[in-house]
């Protein structure tokens, strides 16, 4: 099972957590005031790469990228 789905919508990127580990990572590493849309968190494109880099930096989470970021 994937932990995150990351969906590029142009100027906005949606991050959806699918596991408790993913939710815990998000709570520890991303601003709690981040906008939500449904089950996803909405991040401006200019900040998304930093979050993605953090996901890959020593974290054992499975990330699925939908569309290129």
C-alpha atoms as a PDB file:
ATOM      1  CA  UNK A   1       0.000   0.000   0.000  1.00  0.00           C
ATOM      2  CA  UNK A   2       1.244   3.453  -0.806  1.00  0.00           C
ATOM      3  CA  UNK A   3       1.677   5.938   2.025  1.00  0.00           C
ATOM      4  CA  UNK A   4       1.242   9.136  -0.001  1.00  0.00           C
ATOM      5  CA  UNK A   5      -0.273  10.150  -3.307  1.00  0.00           C
ATOM      6  CA  UNK A   6       1.069  13.407  -4.704  1.00  0.00           C
ATOM      7  CA  UNK A   7      -0.970  14.997  -7.469  1.00  0.00           C
ATOM      8  CA  UNK A   8       0.307  17.957  -9.475  1.00  0.00           C
ATOM      9  CA  UNK A   9      -2.547  20.300 -10.435  1.00  0.00           C
ATOM     10  CA  UNK A  10      -0.376  23.021 -11.948  1.00  0.00           C
ATOM     11  CA  UNK A  11      -0.076  25.851  -9.445  1.00  0.00           C
ATOM     12  CA  UNK A  12      -1.254  23.596  -6.601  1.00  0.00           C
ATOM     13  CA  UNK A  13      -0.096  20.162  -5.498  1.00  0.00           C
ATOM     14  CA  UNK A  14      -2.317  17.771  -3.531  1.00  0.00           C
ATOM     15  CA  UNK A  15      -0.804  15.475  -0.910  1.00  0.00           C
ATOM     16  CA  UNK A  16      -3.015  12.617   0.251  1.00  0.00           C
ATOM     17  CA  UNK A  17      -1.984  10.382   3.155  1.00  0.00           C
ATOM     18  CA  UNK A  18      -3.117   6.764   3.104  1.00  0.00           C
ATOM     19  CA  UNK A  19      -1.484   5.369   6.254  1.00  0.00           C
ATOM     20  CA  UNK A  20      -1.078   6.388   9.879  1.00  0.00           C
ATOM     21  CA  UNK A  21       2.696   6.621   9.336  1.00  0.00           C
ATOM     22  CA  UNK A  22       2.150   9.125   6.534  1.00  0.00           C
ATOM     23  CA  UNK A  23      -0.223  11.193   8.664  1.00  0.00           C
ATOM     24  CA  UNK A  24       2.273  11.223  11.524  1.00  0.00           C
ATOM     25  CA  UNK A  25       5.086  12.301   9.185  1.00  0.00           C
ATOM     26  CA  UNK A  26       2.923  15.133   7.832  1.00  0.00           C
ATOM     27  CA  UNK A  27       2.020  16.334  11.343  1.00  0.00           C
ATOM     28  CA  UNK A  28       5.701  16.372  12.384  1.00  0.00           C
ATOM     29  CA  UNK A  29       7.086  18.012   9.257  1.00  0.00           C
ATOM     30  CA  UNK A  30       4.526  20.297   7.616  1.00  0.00           C
ATOM     31  CA  UNK A  31       2.780  23.418   8.915  1.00  0.00           C
ATOM     32  CA  UNK A  32      -0.454  22.448  10.643  1.00  0.00           C
ATOM     33  CA  UNK A  33      -2.207  25.435   9.022  1.00  0.00           C
ATOM     34  CA  UNK A  34      -1.863  23.889   5.576  1.00  0.00           C
ATOM     35  CA  UNK A  35      -5.100  24.120   3.576  1.00  0.00           C
ATOM     36  CA  UNK A  36      -7.136  20.931   3.160  1.00  0.00           C
ATOM     37  CA  UNK A  37      -9.413  19.917   0.321  1.00  0.00           C
ATOM     38  CA  UNK A  38     -11.298  16.734   1.057  1.00  0.00           C
ATOM     39  CA  UNK A  39      -8.759  14.185   2.310  1.00  0.00           C
ATOM     40  CA  UNK A  40      -5.827  16.007   0.715  1.00  0.00           C
ATOM     41  CA  UNK A  41      -3.571  18.826   1.790  1.00  0.00           C
ATOM     42  CA  UNK A  42      -3.104  21.615  -0.745  1.00  0.00           C
ATOM     43  CA  UNK A  43       0.383  23.072  -1.208  1.00  0.00           C
ATOM     44  CA  UNK A  44       1.560  25.780  -3.579  1.00  0.00           C
ATOM     45  CA  UNK A  45       3.769  24.341  -6.295  1.00  0.00           C
ATOM     46  CA  UNK A  46       6.792  26.376  -5.136  1.00  0.00           C
ATOM     47  CA  UNK A  47       6.746  24.632  -1.719  1.00  0.00           C
ATOM     48  CA  UNK A  48       5.887  21.119  -2.872  1.00  0.00           C
ATOM     49  CA  UNK A  49       9.409  20.081  -3.880  1.00  0.00           C
ATOM     50  CA  UNK A  50      10.752  20.787  -0.388  1.00  0.00           C
ATOM     51  CA  UNK A  51       8.096  18.491   1.082  1.00  0.00           C
ATOM     52  CA  UNK A  52       8.857  15.796  -1.485  1.00  0.00           C
ATOM     53  CA  UNK A  53      12.586  16.081  -0.749  1.00  0.00           C
ATOM     54  CA  UNK A  54      11.786  15.663   2.947  1.00  0.00           C
ATOM     55  CA  UNK A  55       9.751  12.556   2.223  1.00  0.00           C
ATOM     56  CA  UNK A  56      12.681  10.959   0.454  1.00  0.00           C
ATOM     57  CA  UNK A  57      15.292  12.043   3.019  1.00  0.00           C
ATOM     58  CA  UNK A  58      15.645   8.940   5.126  1.00  0.00           C
ATOM     59  CA  UNK A  59      11.960   8.278   5.594  1.00  0.00           C
ATOM     60  CA  UNK A  60      10.696   4.785   4.791  1.00  0.00           C
ATOM     61  CA  UNK A  61       7.460   5.852   3.136  1.00  0.00           C
ATOM     62  CA  UNK A  62       6.102   4.739  -0.223  1.00  0.00           C
ATOM     63  CA  UNK A  63       5.192   7.737  -2.362  1.00  0.00           C
ATOM     64  CA  UNK A  64       3.282   7.656  -5.621  1.00  0.00           C
ATOM     65  CA  UNK A  65       3.697  10.702  -7.845  1.00  0.00           C
ATOM     66  CA  UNK A  66       0.837  11.408 -10.217  1.00  0.00           C
ATOM     67  CA  UNK A  67       1.963  13.675 -13.022  1.00  0.00           C
ATOM     68  CA  UNK A  68       5.420  15.214 -12.921  1.00  0.00           C
ATOM     69  CA  UNK A  69       6.165  17.770 -10.258  1.00  0.00           C
END
